[in-house]
Amino acid sequence: MNEHIDRRIRVLPKGPGRGLATVLVSTLALIGVASAQEPTAVVNNAVPTVVVSGEASISRAPDVAYLTLSIESRARNPRDAQRQNAEVSAGVQKQIAATGIEKDAVRTLGLWLEQEFDNNNGRRTPRGFVARNTLEVKIEDVARAGETADAVVQAGATSLSGIRFDLKDRGAVEREALRLAVADARRRADAAASGAGRSIDRVLKIEDSRPEVVVPRMMMRAEGASAQTAVEPGLIEVRAHVTLTAAMK
């Protein structure tokens, strides 16, 4: 092959194009030498892996409740509607304080004042104004949720949007459920690897989804001659799900 290249060099024309031709011949020579070498073996470095899922759930009794209530007042003019609403709202908040709930546990969710109309034969006729104040009450003693609901209605609340139960430290429960879900996934990975005659070398990746919080439907009923509302909060369930990828050996 070298003799063939030398012959091609000898017959190259003289002049400005000689340098380019020399480069071309040298490149062809290098290609020829490279093609004459043995091909490099491709080593397969793929690591055997196993992908499993893990689940866990934790049930806890709620330790805090949130009561949402509204006070509505109607009048012919907006000033009277707003004044009446402020008076009734003050009475409701006073009653809430009388149940032992701190002032900072009550917050306003919304305050509305709007005009109402009647539709008569396609015509809108002004009827008056309605003022609405919506409050949320945080109840630390869950057992008193029903008692508090009765108290605010007796004080003038016109509607209850419901009682929502929760956990004060829900984040800690979610993290514990996540830890248990990962442990469950690891046990599944060990079992799968063992069934294949292998063992787990290392965990490569863990993917988790947002923990799901299942709050039971609130049950309310009247008890005794006084018809006091009893609230059954049930249990709050926190569910976690993860996907674990591990290398086997």
C-alpha atoms as a PDB file:
ATOM      1  CA  MET A   1       0.000   0.000   0.000  1.00  0.00           C
ATOM      2  CA  ASN A   2       2.918   2.387   0.690  1.00  0.00           C
ATOM      3  CA  GLU A   3       4.339   1.766  -2.802  1.00  0.00           C
ATOM      4  CA  HIS A   4       0.959   2.652  -4.316  1.00  0.00           C
ATOM      5  CA  ILE A   5       0.885   5.892  -2.374  1.00  0.00           C
ATOM      6  CA  ASP A   6       4.437   6.763  -3.387  1.00  0.00           C
ATOM      7  CA  ARG A   7       3.568   6.319  -7.052  1.00  0.00           C
ATOM      8  CA  ARG A   8       0.631   8.699  -6.687  1.00  0.00           C
ATOM      9  CA  ILE A   9       2.908  11.276  -5.089  1.00  0.00           C
ATOM     10  CA  ARG A  10       5.420  11.098  -7.932  1.00  0.00           C
ATOM     11  CA  VAL A  11       2.830  11.862 -10.596  1.00  0.00           C
ATOM     12  CA  LEU A  12       1.343  14.875  -8.799  1.00  0.00           C
ATOM     13  CA  PRO A  13       1.479  17.981 -10.943  1.00  0.00           C
ATOM     14  CA  LYS A  14       3.637  20.875  -9.954  1.00  0.00           C
ATOM     15  CA  GLY A  15       2.079  24.184  -9.197  1.00  0.00           C
ATOM     16  CA  PRO A  16      -0.366  25.822  -6.804  1.00  0.00           C
ATOM     17  CA  GLY A  17      -2.570  22.748  -6.503  1.00  0.00           C
ATOM     18  CA  ARG A  18       0.205  20.529  -5.298  1.00  0.00           C
ATOM     19  CA  GLY A  19      -0.280  21.298  -1.586  1.00  0.00           C
ATOM     20  CA  LEU A  20      -3.978  20.398  -1.659  1.00  0.00           C
ATOM     21  CA  ALA A  21      -3.278  17.165  -3.481  1.00  0.00           C
ATOM     22  CA  THR A  22      -0.607  16.235  -0.933  1.00  0.00           C
ATOM     23  CA  VAL A  23      -3.079  16.700   1.886  1.00  0.00           C
ATOM     24  CA  LEU A  24      -5.643  14.542   0.050  1.00  0.00           C
ATOM     25  CA  VAL A  25      -3.147  11.730  -0.474  1.00  0.00           C
ATOM     26  CA  SER A  26      -2.024  11.870   3.166  1.00  0.00           C
ATOM     27  CA  THR A  27      -5.645  11.651   4.323  1.00  0.00           C
ATOM     28  CA  LEU A  28      -6.262   8.629   2.116  1.00  0.00           C
ATOM     29  CA  ALA A  29      -3.175   7.012   3.547  1.00  0.00           C
ATOM     30  CA  LEU A  30      -4.401   7.480   7.097  1.00  0.00           C
ATOM     31  CA  ILE A  31      -7.820   6.046   6.179  1.00  0.00           C
ATOM     32  CA  GLY A  32      -6.154   3.042   4.644  1.00  0.00           C
ATOM     33  CA  VAL A  33      -4.050   2.411   7.743  1.00  0.00           C
ATOM     34  CA  ALA A  34      -7.060   2.766  10.039  1.00  0.00           C
ATOM     35  CA  SER A  35      -9.137   0.355   7.963  1.00  0.00           C
ATOM     36  CA  ALA A  36      -6.387  -2.205   8.168  1.00  0.00           C
ATOM     37  CA  GLN A  37      -6.560  -2.283  11.964  1.00  0.00           C
ATOM     38  CA  GLU A  38      -8.687  -4.789  13.891  1.00  0.00           C
ATOM     39  CA  PRO A  39     -12.203  -3.444  14.955  1.00  0.00           C
ATOM     40  CA  THR A  40     -12.550  -2.466  18.661  1.00  0.00           C
ATOM     41  CA  ALA A  41     -14.787  -4.777  20.672  1.00  0.00           C
ATOM     42  CA  VAL A  42     -17.905  -3.107  22.172  1.00  0.00           C
ATOM     43  CA  VAL A  43     -18.289  -3.932  25.842  1.00  0.00           C
ATOM     44  CA  ASN A  44     -21.883  -4.095  27.154  1.00  0.00           C
ATOM     45  CA  ASN A  45     -21.921  -2.290  30.495  1.00  0.00           C
ATOM     46  CA  ALA A  46     -25.689  -2.497  31.044  1.00  0.00           C
ATOM     47  CA  VAL A  47     -26.512  -3.006  34.715  1.00  0.00           C
ATOM     48  CA  PRO A  48     -29.421  -5.341  35.518  1.00  0.00           C
ATOM     49  CA  THR A  49     -32.093  -3.379  37.327  1.00  0.00           C
ATOM     50  CA  VAL A  50     -35.436  -3.965  38.996  1.00  0.00           C
ATOM     51  CA  VAL A  51     -38.290  -1.431  39.216  1.00  0.00           C
ATOM     52  CA  VAL A  52     -40.892  -1.857  41.956  1.00  0.00           C
ATOM     53  CA  SER A  53     -43.580   0.205  43.651  1.00  0.00           C
ATOM     54  CA  GLY A  54     -44.216   0.671  47.344  1.00  0.00           C
ATOM     55  CA  GLU A  55     -47.264   1.838  49.264  1.00  0.00           C
ATOM     56  CA  ALA A  56     -48.112   2.788  52.813  1.00  0.00           C
ATOM     57  CA  SER A  57     -50.999   4.381  54.676  1.00  0.00           C
ATOM     58  CA  ILE A  58     -51.341   5.879  58.141  1.00  0.00           C
ATOM     59  CA  SER A  59     -54.648   6.584  59.888  1.00  0.00           C
ATOM     60  CA  ARG A  60     -54.877   9.225  62.586  1.00  0.00           C
ATOM     61  CA  ALA A  61     -57.705  10.794  64.546  1.00  0.00           C
ATOM     62  CA  PRO A  62     -58.022  14.485  63.623  1.00  0.00           C
ATOM     63  CA  ASP A  63     -56.795  16.918  66.252  1.00  0.00           C
ATOM     64  CA  VAL A  64     -58.131  20.170  64.772  1.00  0.00           C
ATOM     65  CA  ALA A  65     -61.389  21.228  63.111  1.00  0.00           C
ATOM     66  CA  TYR A  66     -62.339  24.210  60.959  1.00  0.00           C
ATOM     67  CA  LEU A  67     -65.910  25.506  60.994  1.00  0.00           C
ATOM     68  CA  THR A  68     -67.027  27.764  58.123  1.00  0.00           C
ATOM     69  CA  LEU A  69     -70.095  29.921  58.730  1.00  0.00           C
ATOM     70  CA  SER A  70     -71.843  32.891  57.151  1.00  0.00           C
ATOM     71  CA  ILE A  71     -73.964  35.755  58.434  1.00  0.00           C
ATOM     72  CA  GLU A  72     -76.377  37.360  55.965  1.00  0.00           C
ATOM     73  CA  SER A  73     -78.409  40.537  56.488  1.00  0.00           C
ATOM     74  CA  ARG A  74     -80.899  42.160  54.123  1.00  0.00           C
ATOM     75  CA  ALA A  75     -82.232  45.720  54.015  1.00  0.00           C
ATOM     76  CA  ARG A  76     -83.661  48.252  51.584  1.00  0.00           C
ATOM     77  CA  ASN A  77     -80.472  50.253  51.437  1.00  0.00           C
ATOM     78  CA  PRO A  78     -76.812  49.164  51.596  1.00  0.00           C
ATOM     79  CA  ARG A  79     -76.018  51.130  54.760  1.00  0.00           C
ATOM     80  CA  ASP A  80     -78.676  49.349  56.804  1.00  0.00           C
ATOM     81  CA  ALA A  81     -77.721  45.955  55.401  1.00  0.00           C
ATOM     82  CA  GLN A  82     -74.079  46.488  56.337  1.00  0.00           C
ATOM     83  CA  ARG A  83     -74.910  47.846  59.790  1.00  0.00           C
ATOM     84  CA  GLN A  84     -77.215  44.946  60.634  1.00  0.00           C
ATOM     85  CA  ASN A  85     -74.611  42.468  59.425  1.00  0.00           C
ATOM     86  CA  ALA A  86     -71.909  44.070  61.566  1.00  0.00           C
ATOM     87  CA  GLU A  87     -74.125  43.860  64.657  1.00  0.00           C
ATOM     88  CA  VAL A  88     -75.004  40.210  64.125  1.00  0.00           C
ATOM     89  CA  SER A  89     -71.383  39.326  63.293  1.00  0.00           C
ATOM     90  CA  ALA A  90     -70.228  40.940  66.536  1.00  0.00           C
ATOM     91  CA  GLY A  91     -72.747  38.832  68.457  1.00  0.00           C
ATOM     92  CA  VAL A  92     -71.572  35.655  66.717  1.00  0.00           C
ATOM     93  CA  GLN A  93     -67.938  36.375  67.501  1.00  0.00           C
ATOM     94  CA  LYS A  94     -68.837  37.120  71.115  1.00  0.00           C
ATOM     95  CA  GLN A  95     -70.555  33.746  71.343  1.00  0.00           C
ATOM     96  CA  ILE A  96     -67.512  32.054  69.818  1.00  0.00           C
ATOM     97  CA  ALA A  97     -65.302  33.647  72.476  1.00  0.00           C
ATOM     98  CA  ALA A  98     -67.709  32.431  75.160  1.00  0.00           C
ATOM     99  CA  THR A  99     -67.017  28.831  74.104  1.00  0.00           C
ATOM    100  CA  GLY A 100     -63.343  29.307  74.971  1.00  0.00           C
ATOM    101  CA  ILE A 101     -62.006  29.839  71.458  1.00  0.00           C
ATOM    102  CA  GLU A 102     -59.249  32.440  71.166  1.00  0.00           C
ATOM    103  CA  LYS A 103     -59.802  35.542  69.047  1.00  0.00           C
ATOM    104  CA  ASP A 104     -56.905  34.745  66.713  1.00  0.00           C
ATOM    105  CA  ALA A 105     -58.593  31.424  65.875  1.00  0.00           C
ATOM    106  CA  VAL A 106     -61.282  33.312  63.931  1.00  0.00           C
ATOM    107  CA  ARG A 107     -60.562  34.774  60.514  1.00  0.00           C
ATOM    108  CA  THR A 108     -62.675  36.447  57.857  1.00  0.00           C
ATOM    109  CA  LEU A 109     -62.849  34.591  54.550  1.00  0.00           C
ATOM    110  CA  GLY A 110     -64.964  37.147  52.729  1.00  0.00           C
ATOM    111  CA  LEU A 111     -67.170  40.198  53.094  1.00  0.00           C
ATOM    112  CA  TRP A 112     -69.775  40.977  50.418  1.00  0.00           C
ATOM    113  CA  LEU A 113     -72.385  43.654  49.858  1.00  0.00           C
ATOM    114  CA  GLU A 114     -74.547  43.464  46.753  1.00  0.00           C
ATOM    115  CA  GLN A 115     -77.893  44.497  45.395  1.00  0.00           C
ATOM    116  CA  GLU A 116     -80.606  41.925  44.779  1.00  0.00           C
ATOM    117  CA  PHE A 117     -83.214  41.978  42.023  1.00  0.00           C
ATOM    118  CA  ASP A 118     -86.509  40.321  41.214  1.00  0.00           C
ATOM    119  CA  ASN A 119     -87.345  39.277  37.667  1.00  0.00           C
ATOM    120  CA  ASN A 120     -90.899  40.163  36.710  1.00  0.00           C
ATOM    121  CA  ASN A 121     -91.893  39.396  33.138  1.00  0.00           C
ATOM    122  CA  GLY A 122     -88.327  39.808  31.978  1.00  0.00           C
ATOM    123  CA  ARG A 123     -87.781  43.028  33.863  1.00  0.00           C
ATOM    124  CA  ARG A 124     -85.306  43.385  36.738  1.00  0.00           C
ATOM    125  CA  THR A 125     -86.778  45.115  39.732  1.00  0.00           C
ATOM    126  CA  PRO A 126     -84.519  46.202  42.625  1.00  0.00           C
ATOM    127  CA  ARG A 127     -85.466  44.335  45.784  1.00  0.00           C
ATOM    128  CA  GLY A 128     -82.864  45.487  48.266  1.00  0.00           C
ATOM    129  CA  PHE A 129     -79.321  44.780  49.431  1.00  0.00           C
ATOM    130  CA  VAL A 130     -77.687  41.796  51.086  1.00  0.00           C
ATOM    131  CA  ALA A 131     -74.545  41.900  53.226  1.00  0.00           C
ATOM    132  CA  ARG A 132     -72.673  38.667  53.869  1.00  0.00           C
ATOM    133  CA  ASN A 133     -69.788  37.949  56.221  1.00  0.00           C
ATOM    134  CA  THR A 134     -68.074  34.544  56.047  1.00  0.00           C
ATOM    135  CA  LEU A 135     -65.870  33.388  58.910  1.00  0.00           C
ATOM    136  CA  GLU A 136     -63.658  30.384  59.553  1.00  0.00           C
ATOM    137  CA  VAL A 137     -63.244  29.192  63.140  1.00  0.00           C
ATOM    138  CA  LYS A 138     -60.336  26.991  64.169  1.00  0.00           C
ATOM    139  CA  ILE A 139     -61.429  24.552  66.875  1.00  0.00           C
ATOM    140  CA  GLU A 140     -58.574  22.967  68.801  1.00  0.00           C
ATOM    141  CA  ASP A 141     -60.882  20.686  70.816  1.00  0.00           C
ATOM    142  CA  VAL A 142     -62.418  18.533  68.080  1.00  0.00           C
ATOM    143  CA  ALA A 143     -64.967  17.093  70.506  1.00  0.00           C
ATOM    144  CA  ARG A 144     -66.544  20.557  70.810  1.00  0.00           C
ATOM    145  CA  ALA A 145     -67.070  21.089  67.091  1.00  0.00           C
ATOM    146  CA  GLY A 146     -70.780  20.287  67.271  1.00  0.00           C
ATOM    147  CA  GLU A 147     -71.257  22.480  70.337  1.00  0.00           C
ATOM    148  CA  THR A 148     -69.543  25.382  68.574  1.00  0.00           C
ATOM    149  CA  ALA A 149     -71.724  24.926  65.484  1.00  0.00           C
ATOM    150  CA  ASP A 150     -74.870  25.114  67.623  1.00  0.00           C
ATOM    151  CA  ALA A 151     -73.588  28.198  69.432  1.00  0.00           C
ATOM    152  CA  VAL A 152     -72.906  30.234  66.290  1.00  0.00           C
ATOM    153  CA  VAL A 153     -76.294  29.376  64.793  1.00  0.00           C
ATOM    154  CA  GLN A 154     -78.051  30.443  67.981  1.00  0.00           C
ATOM    155  CA  ALA A 155     -76.062  33.694  67.907  1.00  0.00           C
ATOM    156  CA  GLY A 156     -77.242  34.571  64.412  1.00  0.00           C
ATOM    157  CA  ALA A 157     -75.215  32.679  61.824  1.00  0.00           C
ATOM    158  CA  THR A 158     -77.468  32.013  58.842  1.00  0.00           C
ATOM    159  CA  SER A 159     -75.530  29.178  57.226  1.00  0.00           C
ATOM    160  CA  LEU A 160     -72.843  26.588  57.938  1.00  0.00           C
ATOM    161  CA  SER A 161     -70.672  25.468  55.029  1.00  0.00           C
ATOM    162  CA  GLY A 162     -69.439  22.471  56.970  1.00  0.00           C
ATOM    163  CA  ILE A 163     -66.750  21.315  59.361  1.00  0.00           C
ATOM    164  CA  ARG A 164     -63.363  20.331  57.984  1.00  0.00           C
ATOM    165  CA  PHE A 165     -61.068  18.098  60.031  1.00  0.00           C
ATOM    166  CA  ASP A 166     -57.305  17.987  59.756  1.00  0.00           C
ATOM    167  CA  LEU A 167     -54.048  17.105  61.506  1.00  0.00           C
ATOM    168  CA  LYS A 168     -51.998  19.851  63.139  1.00  0.00           C
ATOM    169  CA  ASP A 169     -48.739  18.280  61.975  1.00  0.00           C
ATOM    170  CA  ARG A 170     -49.902  16.677  58.771  1.00  0.00           C
ATOM    171  CA  GLY A 171     -46.444  17.126  57.224  1.00  0.00           C
ATOM    172  CA  ALA A 172     -44.850  14.804  59.782  1.00  0.00           C
ATOM    173  CA  VAL A 173     -47.490  12.133  59.091  1.00  0.00           C
ATOM    174  CA  GLU A 174     -46.949  12.493  55.335  1.00  0.00           C
ATOM    175  CA  ARG A 175     -43.188  12.048  55.753  1.00  0.00           C
ATOM    176  CA  GLU A 176     -43.702   8.960  57.913  1.00  0.00           C
ATOM    177  CA  ALA A 177     -46.038   7.469  55.306  1.00  0.00           C
ATOM    178  CA  LEU A 178     -43.409   8.191  52.644  1.00  0.00           C
ATOM    179  CA  ARG A 179     -40.715   6.475  54.712  1.00  0.00           C
ATOM    180  CA  LEU A 180     -42.896   3.401  55.120  1.00  0.00           C
ATOM    181  CA  ALA A 181     -43.682   3.351  51.395  1.00  0.00           C
ATOM    182  CA  VAL A 182     -39.967   3.384  50.541  1.00  0.00           C
ATOM    183  CA  ALA A 183     -39.344   0.568  53.033  1.00  0.00           C
ATOM    184  CA  ASP A 184     -42.154  -1.403  51.404  1.00  0.00           C
ATOM    185  CA  ALA A 185     -40.627  -0.837  47.957  1.00  0.00           C
ATOM    186  CA  ARG A 186     -37.203  -1.972  49.190  1.00  0.00           C
ATOM    187  CA  ARG A 187     -38.660  -5.205  50.551  1.00  0.00           C
ATOM    188  CA  ARG A 188     -40.374  -5.812  47.205  1.00  0.00           C
ATOM    189  CA  ALA A 189     -37.109  -5.159  45.378  1.00  0.00           C
ATOM    190  CA  ASP A 190     -35.256  -7.627  47.617  1.00  0.00           C
ATOM    191  CA  ALA A 191     -37.935 -10.261  46.985  1.00  0.00           C
ATOM    192  CA  ALA A 192     -37.875  -9.704  43.216  1.00  0.00           C
ATOM    193  CA  ALA A 193     -34.060  -9.879  43.053  1.00  0.00           C
ATOM    194  CA  SER A 194     -34.010 -13.015  45.200  1.00  0.00           C
ATOM    195  CA  GLY A 195     -36.514 -14.679  42.886  1.00  0.00           C
ATOM    196  CA  ALA A 196     -34.171 -13.965  39.975  1.00  0.00           C
ATOM    197  CA  GLY A 197     -31.204 -15.457  41.837  1.00  0.00           C
ATOM    198  CA  ARG A 198     -29.669 -12.058  42.507  1.00  0.00           C
ATOM    199  CA  SER A 199     -29.457  -9.473  45.264  1.00  0.00           C
ATOM    200  CA  ILE A 200     -29.817  -5.704  45.438  1.00  0.00           C
ATOM    201  CA  ASP A 201     -26.559  -3.847  44.872  1.00  0.00           C
ATOM    202  CA  ARG A 202     -27.724  -0.226  45.309  1.00  0.00           C
ATOM    203  CA  VAL A 203     -30.757   1.982  44.903  1.00  0.00           C
ATOM    204  CA  LEU A 204     -30.551   4.077  41.739  1.00  0.00           C
ATOM    205  CA  LYS A 205     -33.686   6.199  41.904  1.00  0.00           C
ATOM    206  CA  ILE A 206     -36.778   6.816  44.041  1.00  0.00           C
ATOM    207  CA  GLU A 207     -39.785   8.656  42.654  1.00  0.00           C
ATOM    208  CA  ASP A 208     -42.687   9.706  44.845  1.00  0.00           C
ATOM    209  CA  SER A 209     -46.037  11.332  44.262  1.00  0.00           C
ATOM    210  CA  ARG A 210     -47.770  13.823  46.534  1.00  0.00           C
ATOM    211  CA  PRO A 211     -49.240  11.944  49.521  1.00  0.00           C
ATOM    212  CA  GLU A 212     -53.004  11.556  49.348  1.00  0.00           C
ATOM    213  CA  VAL A 213     -55.031  12.646  52.350  1.00  0.00           C
ATOM    214  CA  VAL A 214     -58.440  10.991  52.712  1.00  0.00           C
ATOM    215  CA  VAL A 215     -60.803  12.818  55.041  1.00  0.00           C
ATOM    216  CA  PRO A 216     -63.963  10.896  55.965  1.00  0.00           C
ATOM    217  CA  ARG A 217     -67.348  12.392  55.293  1.00  0.00           C
ATOM    218  CA  MET A 218     -68.521  14.397  58.280  1.00  0.00           C
ATOM    219  CA  MET A 219     -71.449  12.881  60.168  1.00  0.00           C
ATOM    220  CA  MET A 220     -73.724  15.117  62.237  1.00  0.00           C
ATOM    221  CA  ARG A 221     -76.725  14.128  64.299  1.00  0.00           C
ATOM    222  CA  ALA A 222     -78.926  15.567  67.050  1.00  0.00           C
ATOM    223  CA  GLU A 223     -78.696  14.059  70.518  1.00  0.00           C
ATOM    224  CA  GLY A 224     -80.986  14.309  73.530  1.00  0.00           C
ATOM    225  CA  ALA A 225     -83.902  16.582  74.240  1.00  0.00           C
ATOM    226  CA  SER A 226     -81.784  19.685  73.612  1.00  0.00           C
ATOM    227  CA  ALA A 227     -81.053  18.470  70.064  1.00  0.00           C
ATOM    228  CA  GLN A 228     -77.361  19.221  70.496  1.00  0.00           C
ATOM    229  CA  THR A 229     -75.415  18.499  67.330  1.00  0.00           C
ATOM    230  CA  ALA A 230     -72.945  15.639  67.664  1.00  0.00           C
ATOM    231  CA  VAL A 231     -70.087  15.441  65.156  1.00  0.00           C
ATOM    232  CA  GLU A 232     -68.309  12.197  64.294  1.00  0.00           C
ATOM    233  CA  PRO A 233     -64.944  13.081  62.723  1.00  0.00           C
ATOM    234  CA  GLY A 234     -63.767   9.538  61.957  1.00  0.00           C
ATOM    235  CA  LEU A 235     -60.120   8.972  60.987  1.00  0.00           C
ATOM    236  CA  ILE A 236     -57.903  10.807  58.515  1.00  0.00           C
ATOM    237  CA  GLU A 237     -55.912   8.488  56.253  1.00  0.00           C
ATOM    238  CA  VAL A 238     -52.617   9.561  54.666  1.00  0.00           C
ATOM    239  CA  ARG A 239     -51.462   7.420  51.734  1.00  0.00           C
ATOM    240  CA  ALA A 240     -48.035   7.452  50.077  1.00  0.00           C
ATOM    241  CA  HIS A 241     -46.848   5.778  46.864  1.00  0.00           C
ATOM    242  CA  VAL A 242     -43.291   5.509  45.503  1.00  0.00           C
ATOM    243  CA  THR A 243     -41.477   3.875  42.594  1.00  0.00           C
ATOM    244  CA  LEU A 244     -37.996   2.497  43.325  1.00  0.00           C
ATOM    245  CA  THR A 245     -35.326   1.532  40.803  1.00  0.00           C
ATOM    246  CA  ALA A 246     -32.415  -0.572  42.059  1.00  0.00           C
ATOM    247  CA  ALA A 247     -29.343  -2.216  40.533  1.00  0.00           C
ATOM    248  CA  MET A 248     -28.853  -5.942  41.029  1.00  0.00           C
ATOM    249  CA  LYS A 249     -25.700  -7.973  41.345  1.00  0.00           C
END
